[in-house]
């Protein structure tokens, strides 16, 4: 469903995320009714079969700058690349495998939270 249609079906207090596939969709997301953007997959991910091709850090950075909406990056984010992802200007990251497949999921989650907190302070 288009975002505008979703807005007519739900409570105005609901938060609606949108995953644009183009720069144009990124620019139009706010007027279409989005509250935040989910951009990705940033890197290859095996967590979602239909995730599509990785957009990489350059496109992530560009799309983050194209919109004033809060942006969350998703897809293939690990402890090794989370800092670079946060440097793109996103407000947060969404991860699965980096935590669920870690030898110590609690430690992995803690370290990812530290990366996000550090990036938000700089």
PDB file of N, CA and C in Angstrom:
ATOM      1  N   UNK A   1       0.827  -1.192   0.000  1.00  0.00           N
ATOM      2  CA  UNK A   1       0.000   0.000   0.000  1.00  0.00           C
ATOM      3  C   UNK A   1       0.868   1.251   0.000  1.00  0.00           C
ATOM      4  N   UNK A   2       0.436   2.277  -0.683  1.00  0.00           N
ATOM      5  CA  UNK A   2       1.156   3.555  -0.612  1.00  0.00           C
ATOM      6  C   UNK A   2       1.082   4.127   0.807  1.00  0.00           C
ATOM      7  N   UNK A   3       2.090   4.876   1.187  1.00  0.00           N
ATOM      8  CA  UNK A   3       2.122   5.459   2.527  1.00  0.00           C
ATOM      9  C   UNK A   3       0.891   6.292   2.833  1.00  0.00           C
ATOM     10  N   UNK A   4       0.454   7.068   1.880  1.00  0.00           N
ATOM     11  CA  UNK A   4      -0.703   7.935   2.098  1.00  0.00           C
ATOM     12  C   UNK A   4      -1.944   7.111   2.432  1.00  0.00           C
ATOM     13  N   UNK A   5      -2.089   5.942   1.818  1.00  0.00           N
ATOM     14  CA  UNK A   5      -3.220   5.059   2.108  1.00  0.00           C
ATOM     15  C   UNK A   5      -3.090   4.452   3.501  1.00  0.00           C
ATOM     16  N   UNK A   6      -1.888   4.101   3.871  1.00  0.00           N
ATOM     17  CA  UNK A   6      -1.657   3.546   5.204  1.00  0.00           C
ATOM     18  C   UNK A   6      -2.051   4.555   6.272  1.00  0.00           C
ATOM     19  N   UNK A   7      -1.706   5.809   6.047  1.00  0.00           N
ATOM     20  CA  UNK A   7      -2.036   6.864   7.014  1.00  0.00           C
ATOM     21  C   UNK A   7      -3.544   6.979   7.236  1.00  0.00           C
ATOM     22  N   UNK A   8      -4.336   6.708   6.210  1.00  0.00           N
ATOM     23  CA  UNK A   8      -5.793   6.811   6.363  1.00  0.00           C
ATOM     24  C   UNK A   8      -6.375   5.613   7.114  1.00  0.00           C
ATOM     25  N   UNK A   9      -5.621   4.521   7.203  1.00  0.00           N
ATOM     26  CA  UNK A   9      -6.113   3.297   7.831  1.00  0.00           C
ATOM     27  C   UNK A   9      -5.725   3.138   9.300  1.00  0.00           C
ATOM     28  N   UNK A  10      -4.757   3.913   9.747  1.00  0.00           N
ATOM     29  CA  UNK A  10      -4.235   3.721  11.098  1.00  0.00           C
ATOM     30  C   UNK A  10      -4.408   4.972  11.947  1.00  0.00           C
ATOM     31  N   UNK A  11      -4.188   4.802  13.220  1.00  0.00           N
ATOM     32  CA  UNK A  11      -4.242   5.925  14.153  1.00  0.00           C
ATOM     33  C   UNK A  11      -3.135   6.926  13.823  1.00  0.00           C
ATOM     34  N   UNK A  12      -3.412   8.214  13.950  1.00  0.00           N
ATOM     35  CA  UNK A  12      -2.374   9.214  13.684  1.00  0.00           C
ATOM     36  C   UNK A  12      -1.206   9.131  14.671  1.00  0.00           C
ATOM     37  N   UNK A  13      -1.395   8.414  15.761  1.00  0.00           N
ATOM     38  CA  UNK A  13      -0.310   8.280  16.734  1.00  0.00           C
ATOM     39  C   UNK A  13       0.665   7.160  16.377  1.00  0.00           C
ATOM     40  N   UNK A  14       0.328   6.328  15.396  1.00  0.00           N
ATOM     41  CA  UNK A  14       1.222   5.248  14.976  1.00  0.00           C
ATOM     42  C   UNK A  14       2.429   5.825  14.242  1.00  0.00           C
ATOM     43  N   UNK A  15       3.567   5.210  14.448  1.00  0.00           N
ATOM     44  CA  UNK A  15       4.787   5.589  13.749  1.00  0.00           C
ATOM     45  C   UNK A  15       4.921   4.714  12.509  1.00  0.00           C
ATOM     46  N   UNK A  16       5.160   5.364  11.373  1.00  0.00           N
ATOM     47  CA  UNK A  16       5.242   4.647  10.103  1.00  0.00           C
ATOM     48  C   UNK A  16       6.645   4.797   9.517  1.00  0.00           C
ATOM     49  N   UNK A  17       7.278   3.660   9.283  1.00  0.00           N
ATOM     50  CA  UNK A  17       8.573   3.651   8.630  1.00  0.00           C
ATOM     51  C   UNK A  17       8.422   3.339   7.158  1.00  0.00           C
ATOM     52  N   UNK A  18       9.401   3.776   6.383  1.00  0.00           N
ATOM     53  CA  UNK A  18       9.368   3.574   4.936  1.00  0.00           C
ATOM     54  C   UNK A  18      10.771   3.235   4.466  1.00  0.00           C
ATOM     55  N   UNK A  19      10.861   2.294   3.536  1.00  0.00           N
ATOM     56  CA  UNK A  19      12.149   1.893   2.970  1.00  0.00           C
ATOM     57  C   UNK A  19      12.207   2.300   1.507  1.00  0.00           C
ATOM     58  N   UNK A  20      12.727   3.488   1.229  1.00  0.00           N
ATOM     59  CA  UNK A  20      12.791   3.947  -0.159  1.00  0.00           C
ATOM     60  C   UNK A  20      13.831   3.167  -0.956  1.00  0.00           C
ATOM     61  N   UNK A  21      13.541   2.995  -2.238  1.00  0.00           N
ATOM     62  CA  UNK A  21      14.468   2.287  -3.120  1.00  0.00           C
ATOM     63  C   UNK A  21      15.221   3.229  -4.046  1.00  0.00           C
ATOM     64  N   UNK A  22      14.828   4.505  -4.064  1.00  0.00           N
ATOM     65  CA  UNK A  22      15.471   5.484  -4.938  1.00  0.00           C
ATOM     66  C   UNK A  22      15.678   6.789  -4.178  1.00  0.00           C
ATOM     67  N   UNK A  23      16.518   7.659  -4.745  1.00  0.00           N
ATOM     68  CA  UNK A  23      16.698   8.989  -4.163  1.00  0.00           C
ATOM     69  C   UNK A  23      15.386   9.764  -4.187  1.00  0.00           C
ATOM     70  N   UNK A  24      14.651   9.657  -5.278  1.00  0.00           N
ATOM     71  CA  UNK A  24      13.372  10.367  -5.413  1.00  0.00           C
ATOM     72  C   UNK A  24      12.390   9.940  -4.320  1.00  0.00           C
ATOM     73  N   UNK A  25      12.284   8.648  -4.077  1.00  0.00           N
ATOM     74  CA  UNK A  25      11.400   8.162  -3.011  1.00  0.00           C
ATOM     75  C   UNK A  25      11.864   8.669  -1.646  1.00  0.00           C
ATOM     76  N   UNK A  26      13.157   8.777  -1.471  1.00  0.00           N
ATOM     77  CA  UNK A  26      13.707   9.296  -0.219  1.00  0.00           C
ATOM     78  C   UNK A  26      13.262  10.734  -0.001  1.00  0.00           C
ATOM     79  N   UNK A  27      13.356  11.539  -1.044  1.00  0.00           N
ATOM     80  CA  UNK A  27      12.973  12.952  -0.964  1.00  0.00           C
ATOM     81  C   UNK A  27      11.483  13.102  -0.676  1.00  0.00           C
ATOM     82  N   UNK A  28      10.668  12.262  -1.258  1.00  0.00           N
ATOM     83  CA  UNK A  28       9.211  12.378  -1.142  1.00  0.00           C
ATOM     84  C   UNK A  28       8.629  11.675   0.089  1.00  0.00           C
ATOM     85  N   UNK A  29       9.442  10.988   0.854  1.00  0.00           N
ATOM     86  CA  UNK A  29       8.944  10.154   1.950  1.00  0.00           C
ATOM     87  C   UNK A  29       8.150  10.929   2.996  1.00  0.00           C
ATOM     88  N   UNK A  30       8.611  12.108   3.392  1.00  0.00           N
ATOM     89  CA  UNK A  30       7.902  12.876   4.422  1.00  0.00           C
ATOM     90  C   UNK A  30       6.518  13.280   3.935  1.00  0.00           C
ATOM     91  N   UNK A  31       6.438  13.835   2.740  1.00  0.00           N
ATOM     92  CA  UNK A  31       5.134  14.277   2.236  1.00  0.00           C
ATOM     93  C   UNK A  31       4.204  13.095   1.978  1.00  0.00           C
ATOM     94  N   UNK A  32       4.778  11.915   1.793  1.00  0.00           N
ATOM     95  CA  UNK A  32       3.966  10.714   1.583  1.00  0.00           C
ATOM     96  C   UNK A  32       3.457  10.125   2.900  1.00  0.00           C
ATOM     97  N   UNK A  33       3.983  10.603   4.029  1.00  0.00           N
ATOM     98  CA  UNK A  33       3.475  10.154   5.318  1.00  0.00           C
ATOM     99  C   UNK A  33       4.426   9.370   6.193  1.00  0.00           C
ATOM    100  N   UNK A  34       5.690   9.264   5.811  1.00  0.00           N
ATOM    101  CA  UNK A  34       6.651   8.504   6.618  1.00  0.00           C
ATOM    102  C   UNK A  34       7.106   9.306   7.831  1.00  0.00           C
ATOM    103  N   UNK A  35       7.362   8.582   8.921  1.00  0.00           N
ATOM    104  CA  UNK A  35       7.921   9.187  10.124  1.00  0.00           C
ATOM    105  C   UNK A  35       9.428   8.948  10.227  1.00  0.00           C
ATOM    106  N   UNK A  36       9.890   7.860   9.628  1.00  0.00           N
ATOM    107  CA  UNK A  36      11.317   7.563   9.608  1.00  0.00           C
ATOM    108  C   UNK A  36      11.617   6.703   8.391  1.00  0.00           C
ATOM    109  N   UNK A  37      12.903   6.617   8.039  1.00  0.00           N
ATOM    110  CA  UNK A  37      13.342   5.810   6.903  1.00  0.00           C
ATOM    111  C   UNK A  37      14.154   4.620   7.384  1.00  0.00           C
ATOM    112  N   UNK A  38      13.970   3.499   6.724  1.00  0.00           N
ATOM    113  CA  UNK A  38      14.817   2.331   6.895  1.00  0.00           C
ATOM    114  C   UNK A  38      15.586   2.155   5.599  1.00  0.00           C
ATOM    115  N   UNK A  39      16.891   2.357   5.641  1.00  0.00           N
ATOM    116  CA  UNK A  39      17.697   2.297   4.419  1.00  0.00           C
ATOM    117  C   UNK A  39      18.565   1.051   4.400  1.00  0.00           C
ATOM    118  N   UNK A  40      18.513   0.343   3.287  1.00  0.00           N
ATOM    119  CA  UNK A  40      19.325  -0.847   3.155  1.00  0.00           C
ATOM    120  C   UNK A  40      18.801  -1.769   2.073  1.00  0.00           C
ATOM    121  N   UNK A  41      19.359  -2.927   1.964  1.00  0.00           N
ATOM    122  CA  UNK A  41      20.430  -3.389   2.821  1.00  0.00           C
ATOM    123  C   UNK A  41      21.720  -2.627   2.528  1.00  0.00           C
ATOM    124  N   UNK A  42      22.405  -2.232   3.574  1.00  0.00           N
ATOM    125  CA  UNK A  42      23.658  -1.505   3.389  1.00  0.00           C
ATOM    126  C   UNK A  42      24.711  -2.447   2.818  1.00  0.00           C
ATOM    127  N   UNK A  43      24.775  -3.637   3.359  1.00  0.00           N
ATOM    128  CA  UNK A  43      25.709  -4.663   2.901  1.00  0.00           C
ATOM    129  C   UNK A  43      24.915  -5.933   2.609  1.00  0.00           C
ATOM    130  N   UNK A  44      25.564  -6.913   2.011  1.00  0.00           N
ATOM    131  CA  UNK A  44      24.891  -8.189   1.762  1.00  0.00           C
ATOM    132  C   UNK A  44      24.346  -8.727   3.077  1.00  0.00           C
ATOM    133  N   UNK A  45      23.143  -9.267   3.018  1.00  0.00           N
ATOM    134  CA  UNK A  45      22.551  -9.894   4.196  1.00  0.00           C
ATOM    135  C   UNK A  45      21.930 -11.228   3.817  1.00  0.00           C
ATOM    136  N   UNK A  46      22.116 -12.191   4.667  1.00  0.00           N
ATOM    137  CA  UNK A  46      21.483 -13.485   4.466  1.00  0.00           C
ATOM    138  C   UNK A  46      20.216 -13.625   5.292  1.00  0.00           C
ATOM    139  N   UNK A  47      19.875 -12.570   6.031  1.00  0.00           N
ATOM    140  CA  UNK A  47      18.714 -12.629   6.925  1.00  0.00           C
ATOM    141  C   UNK A  47      17.387 -12.465   6.208  1.00  0.00           C
ATOM    142  N   UNK A  48      17.414 -11.846   5.042  1.00  0.00           N
ATOM    143  CA  UNK A  48      16.173 -11.590   4.308  1.00  0.00           C
ATOM    144  C   UNK A  48      16.396 -11.951   2.845  1.00  0.00           C
ATOM    145  N   UNK A  49      15.705 -12.971   2.379  1.00  0.00           N
ATOM    146  CA  UNK A  49      15.925 -13.496   1.029  1.00  0.00           C
ATOM    147  C   UNK A  49      15.657 -12.470  -0.061  1.00  0.00           C
ATOM    148  N   UNK A  50      14.675 -11.601   0.123  1.00  0.00           N
ATOM    149  CA  UNK A  50      14.321 -10.634  -0.923  1.00  0.00           C
ATOM    150  C   UNK A  50      14.833  -9.228  -0.614  1.00  0.00           C
ATOM    151  N   UNK A  51      15.946  -9.137   0.094  1.00  0.00           N
ATOM    152  CA  UNK A  51      16.472  -7.832   0.507  1.00  0.00           C
ATOM    153  C   UNK A  51      16.965  -6.983  -0.660  1.00  0.00           C
ATOM    154  N   UNK A  52      17.331  -7.600  -1.753  1.00  0.00           N
ATOM    155  CA  UNK A  52      17.845  -6.844  -2.889  1.00  0.00           C
ATOM    156  C   UNK A  52      19.341  -6.618  -2.772  1.00  0.00           C
ATOM    157  N   UNK A  53      19.869  -5.871  -3.726  1.00  0.00           N
ATOM    158  CA  UNK A  53      21.305  -5.599  -3.770  1.00  0.00           C
ATOM    159  C   UNK A  53      21.690  -4.605  -2.681  1.00  0.00           C
ATOM    160  N   UNK A  54      22.893  -4.763  -2.170  1.00  0.00           N
ATOM    161  CA  UNK A  54      23.405  -3.849  -1.154  1.00  0.00           C
ATOM    162  C   UNK A  54      23.569  -2.451  -1.740  1.00  0.00           C
ATOM    163  N   UNK A  55      23.208  -1.435  -0.948  1.00  0.00           N
ATOM    164  CA  UNK A  55      23.331  -0.051  -1.424  1.00  0.00           C
ATOM    165  C   UNK A  55      24.689   0.543  -1.091  1.00  0.00           C
ATOM    166  N   UNK A  56      25.379   0.017  -0.104  1.00  0.00           N
ATOM    167  CA  UNK A  56      26.693   0.519   0.266  1.00  0.00           C
ATOM    168  C   UNK A  56      26.629   1.813   1.061  1.00  0.00           C
ATOM    169  N   UNK A  57      27.790   2.218   1.555  1.00  0.00           N
ATOM    170  CA  UNK A  57      27.871   3.392   2.418  1.00  0.00           C
ATOM    171  C   UNK A  57      27.651   4.702   1.674  1.00  0.00           C
ATOM    172  N   UNK A  58      28.073   4.785   0.423  1.00  0.00           N
ATOM    173  CA  UNK A  58      27.920   6.030  -0.336  1.00  0.00           C
ATOM    174  C   UNK A  58      26.443   6.370  -0.538  1.00  0.00           C
ATOM    175  N   UNK A  59      25.659   5.411  -0.998  1.00  0.00           N
ATOM    176  CA  UNK A  59      24.223   5.661  -1.199  1.00  0.00           C
ATOM    177  C   UNK A  59      23.535   5.877   0.146  1.00  0.00           C
ATOM    178  N   UNK A  60      23.919   5.123   1.154  1.00  0.00           N
ATOM    179  CA  UNK A  60      23.356   5.326   2.489  1.00  0.00           C
ATOM    180  C   UNK A  60      23.577   6.766   2.942  1.00  0.00           C
ATOM    181  N   UNK A  61      24.795   7.255   2.815  1.00  0.00           N
ATOM    182  CA  UNK A  61      25.107   8.633   3.217  1.00  0.00           C
ATOM    183  C   UNK A  61      24.304   9.645   2.418  1.00  0.00           C
ATOM    184  N   UNK A  62      24.234   9.445   1.113  1.00  0.00           N
ATOM    185  CA  UNK A  62      23.505  10.386   0.259  1.00  0.00           C
ATOM    186  C   UNK A  62      22.027  10.427   0.634  1.00  0.00           C
ATOM    187  N   UNK A  63      21.413   9.277   0.779  1.00  0.00           N
ATOM    188  CA  UNK A  63      19.977   9.248   1.099  1.00  0.00           C
ATOM    189  C   UNK A  63      19.706   9.787   2.504  1.00  0.00           C
ATOM    190  N   UNK A  64      20.622   9.579   3.407  1.00  0.00           N
ATOM    191  CA  UNK A  64      20.469  10.147   4.747  1.00  0.00           C
ATOM    192  C   UNK A  64      20.464  11.671   4.668  1.00  0.00           C
ATOM    193  N   UNK A  65      21.302  12.237   3.810  1.00  0.00           N
ATOM    194  CA  UNK A  65      21.355  13.701   3.642  1.00  0.00           C
ATOM    195  C   UNK A  65      20.168  14.243   2.861  1.00  0.00           C
ATOM    196  N   UNK A  66      19.546  13.418   2.019  1.00  0.00           N
ATOM    197  CA  UNK A  66      18.427  13.877   1.189  1.00  0.00           C
ATOM    198  C   UNK A  66      17.140  14.098   1.973  1.00  0.00           C
ATOM    199  N   UNK A  67      17.061  13.572   3.164  1.00  0.00           N
ATOM    200  CA  UNK A  67      15.829  13.661   3.942  1.00  0.00           C
ATOM    201  C   UNK A  67      16.123  14.175   5.343  1.00  0.00           C
ATOM    202  N   UNK A  68      15.158  14.900   5.893  1.00  0.00           N
ATOM    203  CA  UNK A  68      15.302  15.332   7.283  1.00  0.00           C
ATOM    204  C   UNK A  68      14.630  14.349   8.242  1.00  0.00           C
ATOM    205  N   UNK A  69      14.133  13.238   7.717  1.00  0.00           N
ATOM    206  CA  UNK A  69      13.537  12.211   8.567  1.00  0.00           C
ATOM    207  C   UNK A  69      14.633  11.418   9.276  1.00  0.00           C
ATOM    208  N   UNK A  70      14.361  10.930  10.477  1.00  0.00           N
ATOM    209  CA  UNK A  70      15.327  10.036  11.119  1.00  0.00           C
ATOM    210  C   UNK A  70      15.518   8.792  10.248  1.00  0.00           C
ATOM    211  N   UNK A  71      16.743   8.331  10.187  1.00  0.00           N
ATOM    212  CA  UNK A  71      17.071   7.211   9.314  1.00  0.00           C
ATOM    213  C   UNK A  71      17.748   6.093  10.098  1.00  0.00           C
ATOM    214  N   UNK A  72      17.278   4.875   9.864  1.00  0.00           N
ATOM    215  CA  UNK A  72      17.860   3.682  10.470  1.00  0.00           C
ATOM    216  C   UNK A  72      18.436   2.834   9.342  1.00  0.00           C
ATOM    217  N   UNK A  73      19.677   2.404   9.504  1.00  0.00           N
ATOM    218  CA  UNK A  73      20.325   1.548   8.507  1.00  0.00           C
ATOM    219  C   UNK A  73      20.104   0.086   8.873  1.00  0.00           C
ATOM    220  N   UNK A  74      19.948  -0.746   7.850  1.00  0.00           N
ATOM    221  CA  UNK A  74      19.703  -2.175   8.066  1.00  0.00           C
ATOM    222  C   UNK A  74      20.403  -2.984   6.977  1.00  0.00           C
ATOM    223  N   UNK A  75      20.795  -4.190   7.331  1.00  0.00           N
ATOM    224  CA  UNK A  75      21.312  -5.115   6.330  1.00  0.00           C
ATOM    225  C   UNK A  75      22.805  -5.317   6.375  1.00  0.00           C
ATOM    226  N   UNK A  76      23.231  -6.466   6.881  1.00  0.00           N
ATOM    227  CA  UNK A  76      24.638  -6.829   6.861  1.00  0.00           C
ATOM    228  C   UNK A  76      25.510  -6.035   7.818  1.00  0.00           C
ATOM    229  N   UNK A  77      24.905  -5.396   8.798  1.00  0.00           N
ATOM    230  CA  UNK A  77      25.662  -4.572   9.738  1.00  0.00           C
ATOM    231  C   UNK A  77      26.242  -5.467  10.828  1.00  0.00           C
ATOM    232  N   UNK A  78      27.547  -5.292  11.055  1.00  0.00           N
ATOM    233  CA  UNK A  78      28.285  -6.097  12.027  1.00  0.00           C
ATOM    234  C   UNK A  78      29.071  -5.177  12.955  1.00  0.00           C
ATOM    235  N   UNK A  79      29.704  -5.765  13.941  1.00  0.00           N
ATOM    236  CA  UNK A  79      30.583  -4.977  14.810  1.00  0.00           C
ATOM    237  C   UNK A  79      31.722  -4.351  14.019  1.00  0.00           C
ATOM    238  N   UNK A  80      32.153  -5.003  12.950  1.00  0.00           N
ATOM    239  CA  UNK A  80      33.263  -4.491  12.151  1.00  0.00           C
ATOM    240  C   UNK A  80      32.899  -3.275  11.312  1.00  0.00           C
ATOM    241  N   UNK A  81      31.635  -3.141  10.917  1.00  0.00           N
ATOM    242  CA  UNK A  81      31.277  -2.021  10.038  1.00  0.00           C
ATOM    243  C   UNK A  81      30.272  -1.044  10.659  1.00  0.00           C
ATOM    244  N   UNK A  82      29.832  -1.298  11.882  1.00  0.00           N
ATOM    245  CA  UNK A  82      28.806  -0.454  12.506  1.00  0.00           C
ATOM    246  C   UNK A  82      29.254   0.998  12.664  1.00  0.00           C
ATOM    247  N   UNK A  83      30.512   1.238  12.990  1.00  0.00           N
ATOM    248  CA  UNK A  83      30.997   2.616  13.135  1.00  0.00           C
ATOM    249  C   UNK A  83      30.909   3.366  11.820  1.00  0.00           C
ATOM    250  N   UNK A  84      31.328   2.731  10.736  1.00  0.00           N
ATOM    251  CA  UNK A  84      31.257   3.371   9.418  1.00  0.00           C
ATOM    252  C   UNK A  84      29.813   3.652   9.033  1.00  0.00           C
ATOM    253  N   UNK A  85      28.913   2.751   9.372  1.00  0.00           N
ATOM    254  CA  UNK A  85      27.490   2.962   9.085  1.00  0.00           C
ATOM    255  C   UNK A  85      26.986   4.172   9.863  1.00  0.00           C
ATOM    256  N   UNK A  86      27.312   4.261  11.136  1.00  0.00           N
ATOM    257  CA  UNK A  86      26.866   5.392  11.946  1.00  0.00           C
ATOM    258  C   UNK A  86      27.452   6.710  11.446  1.00  0.00           C
ATOM    259  N   UNK A  87      28.659   6.675  10.899  1.00  0.00           N
ATOM    260  CA  UNK A  87      29.283   7.887  10.362  1.00  0.00           C
ATOM    261  C   UNK A  87      28.536   8.438   9.154  1.00  0.00           C
ATOM    262  N   UNK A  88      27.652   7.647   8.567  1.00  0.00           N
ATOM    263  CA  UNK A  88      26.873   8.103   7.409  1.00  0.00           C
ATOM    264  C   UNK A  88      25.807   9.118   7.803  1.00  0.00           C
ATOM    265  N   UNK A  89      25.538   9.236   9.104  1.00  0.00           N
ATOM    266  CA  UNK A  89      24.538  10.188   9.563  1.00  0.00           C
ATOM    267  C   UNK A  89      23.233   9.575  10.023  1.00  0.00           C
ATOM    268  N   UNK A  90      23.122   8.258   9.977  1.00  0.00           N
ATOM    269  CA  UNK A  90      21.895   7.606  10.448  1.00  0.00           C
ATOM    270  C   UNK A  90      21.769   7.791  11.959  1.00  0.00           C
ATOM    271  N   UNK A  91      20.535   7.672  12.466  1.00  0.00           N
ATOM    272  CA  UNK A  91      20.329   7.796  13.911  1.00  0.00           C
ATOM    273  C   UNK A  91      20.463   6.456  14.619  1.00  0.00           C
ATOM    274  N   UNK A  92      20.428   5.379  13.851  1.00  0.00           N
ATOM    275  CA  UNK A  92      20.531   4.070  14.465  1.00  0.00           C
ATOM    276  C   UNK A  92      20.722   2.973  13.451  1.00  0.00           C
ATOM    277  N   UNK A  93      20.917   1.767  13.972  1.00  0.00           N
ATOM    278  CA  UNK A  93      21.114   0.591  13.131  1.00  0.00           C
ATOM    279  C   UNK A  93      20.151  -0.503  13.571  1.00  0.00           C
ATOM    280  N   UNK A  94      19.761  -1.325  12.622  1.00  0.00           N
ATOM    281  CA  UNK A  94      18.936  -2.499  12.901  1.00  0.00           C
ATOM    282  C   UNK A  94      19.774  -3.720  12.546  1.00  0.00           C
ATOM    283  N   UNK A  95      19.938  -4.613  13.501  1.00  0.00           N
ATOM    284  CA  UNK A  95      20.780  -5.787  13.275  1.00  0.00           C
ATOM    285  C   UNK A  95      20.064  -7.056  13.721  1.00  0.00           C
ATOM    286  N   UNK A  96      20.425  -8.142  13.094  1.00  0.00           N
ATOM    287  CA  UNK A  96      19.944  -9.461  13.513  1.00  0.00           C
ATOM    288  C   UNK A  96      21.132 -10.393  13.710  1.00  0.00           C
ATOM    289  N   UNK A  97      21.767 -10.731  12.600  1.00  0.00           N
ATOM    290  CA  UNK A  97      22.827 -11.741  12.630  1.00  0.00           C
ATOM    291  C   UNK A  97      23.985 -11.358  13.537  1.00  0.00           C
ATOM    292  N   UNK A  98      24.325 -10.075  13.590  1.00  0.00           N
ATOM    293  CA  UNK A  98      25.458  -9.645  14.411  1.00  0.00           C
ATOM    294  C   UNK A  98      25.243  -9.971  15.882  1.00  0.00           C
ATOM    295  N   UNK A  99      23.997 -10.086  16.277  1.00  0.00           N
ATOM    296  CA  UNK A  99      23.686 -10.458  17.662  1.00  0.00           C
ATOM    297  C   UNK A  99      23.328 -11.938  17.758  1.00  0.00           C
ATOM    298  N   UNK A 100      22.402 -12.374  16.930  1.00  0.00           N
ATOM    299  CA  UNK A 100      21.887 -13.741  17.045  1.00  0.00           C
ATOM    300  C   UNK A 100      22.913 -14.821  16.733  1.00  0.00           C
ATOM    301  N   UNK A 101      23.879 -14.505  15.886  1.00  0.00           N
ATOM    302  CA  UNK A 101      24.894 -15.498  15.519  1.00  0.00           C
ATOM    303  C   UNK A 101      26.199 -15.323  16.286  1.00  0.00           C
ATOM    304  N   UNK A 102      26.236 -14.363  17.192  1.00  0.00           N
ATOM    305  CA  UNK A 102      27.451 -14.118  17.972  1.00  0.00           C
ATOM    306  C   UNK A 102      27.640 -15.215  19.014  1.00  0.00           C
ATOM    307  N   UNK A 103      28.894 -15.493  19.342  1.00  0.00           N
ATOM    308  CA  UNK A 103      29.192 -16.468  20.393  1.00  0.00           C
ATOM    309  C   UNK A 103      28.593 -16.009  21.723  1.00  0.00           C
ATOM    310  N   UNK A 104      28.607 -14.701  21.945  1.00  0.00           N
ATOM    311  CA  UNK A 104      28.022 -14.117  23.157  1.00  0.00           C
ATOM    312  C   UNK A 104      27.070 -12.999  22.721  1.00  0.00           C
ATOM    313  N   UNK A 105      25.808 -13.322  22.461  1.00  0.00           N
ATOM    314  CA  UNK A 105      24.857 -12.322  21.965  1.00  0.00           C
ATOM    315  C   UNK A 105      24.728 -11.093  22.866  1.00  0.00           C
ATOM    316  N   UNK A 106      24.760 -11.292  24.161  1.00  0.00           N
ATOM    317  CA  UNK A 106      24.647 -10.152  25.081  1.00  0.00           C
ATOM    318  C   UNK A 106      25.822  -9.196  24.907  1.00  0.00           C
ATOM    319  N   UNK A 107      27.020  -9.737  24.804  1.00  0.00           N
ATOM    320  CA  UNK A 107      28.203  -8.905  24.607  1.00  0.00           C
ATOM    321  C   UNK A 107      28.152  -8.211  23.252  1.00  0.00           C
ATOM    322  N   UNK A 108      27.716  -8.917  22.226  1.00  0.00           N
ATOM    323  CA  UNK A 108      27.604  -8.309  20.894  1.00  0.00           C
ATOM    324  C   UNK A 108      26.617  -7.148  20.921  1.00  0.00           C
ATOM    325  N   UNK A 109      25.479  -7.334  21.564  1.00  0.00           N
ATOM    326  CA  UNK A 109      24.486  -6.261  21.666  1.00  0.00           C
ATOM    327  C   UNK A 109      25.051  -5.078  22.437  1.00  0.00           C
ATOM    328  N   UNK A 110      25.733  -5.346  23.524  1.00  0.00           N
ATOM    329  CA  UNK A 110      26.335  -4.280  24.329  1.00  0.00           C
ATOM    330  C   UNK A 110      27.343  -3.481  23.515  1.00  0.00           C
ATOM    331  N   UNK A 111      28.178  -4.176  22.753  1.00  0.00           N
ATOM    332  CA  UNK A 111      29.195  -3.491  21.953  1.00  0.00           C
ATOM    333  C   UNK A 111      28.567  -2.677  20.826  1.00  0.00           C
ATOM    334  N   UNK A 112      27.504  -3.188  20.222  1.00  0.00           N
ATOM    335  CA  UNK A 112      26.810  -2.418  19.184  1.00  0.00           C
ATOM    336  C   UNK A 112      26.158  -1.174  19.778  1.00  0.00           C
ATOM    337  N   UNK A 113      25.581  -1.306  20.954  1.00  0.00           N
ATOM    338  CA  UNK A 113      24.997  -0.142  21.628  1.00  0.00           C
ATOM    339  C   UNK A 113      26.076   0.902  21.903  1.00  0.00           C
ATOM    340  N   UNK A 114      27.244   0.469  22.314  1.00  0.00           N
ATOM    341  CA  UNK A 114      28.357   1.395  22.554  1.00  0.00           C
ATOM    342  C   UNK A 114      28.735   2.141  21.282  1.00  0.00           C
ATOM    343  N   UNK A 115      28.765   1.447  20.156  1.00  0.00           N
ATOM    344  CA  UNK A 115      29.081   2.088  18.874  1.00  0.00           C
ATOM    345  C   UNK A 115      28.058   3.179  18.566  1.00  0.00           C
ATOM    346  N   UNK A 116      26.785   2.859  18.731  1.00  0.00           N
ATOM    347  CA  UNK A 116      25.722   3.832  18.445  1.00  0.00           C
ATOM    348  C   UNK A 116      25.818   5.014  19.399  1.00  0.00           C
ATOM    349  N   UNK A 117      25.982   4.763  20.665  1.00  0.00           N
ATOM    350  CA  UNK A 117      26.087   5.862  21.647  1.00  0.00           C
ATOM    351  C   UNK A 117      27.275   6.760  21.354  1.00  0.00           C
ATOM    352  N   UNK A 118      28.413   6.164  21.043  1.00  0.00           N
ATOM    353  CA  UNK A 118      29.602   6.955  20.730  1.00  0.00           C
ATOM    354  C   UNK A 118      29.349   7.836  19.515  1.00  0.00           C
ATOM    355  N   UNK A 119      28.748   7.265  18.477  1.00  0.00           N
ATOM    356  CA  UNK A 119      28.482   8.030  17.253  1.00  0.00           C
ATOM    357  C   UNK A 119      27.523   9.184  17.522  1.00  0.00           C
ATOM    358  N   UNK A 120      26.557   8.988  18.365  1.00  0.00           N
ATOM    359  CA  UNK A 120      25.587  10.047  18.677  1.00  0.00           C
ATOM    360  C   UNK A 120      26.217  11.179  19.472  1.00  0.00           C
ATOM    361  N   UNK A 121      27.305  10.903  20.177  1.00  0.00           N
ATOM    362  CA  UNK A 121      27.983  11.926  20.975  1.00  0.00           C
ATOM    363  C   UNK A 121      28.943  12.764  20.148  1.00  0.00           C
ATOM    364  N   UNK A 122      29.307  12.280  18.982  1.00  0.00           N
ATOM    365  CA  UNK A 122      30.292  13.006  18.172  1.00  0.00           C
ATOM    366  C   UNK A 122      29.639  13.809  17.082  1.00  0.00           C
TER     367      UNK A 122
END
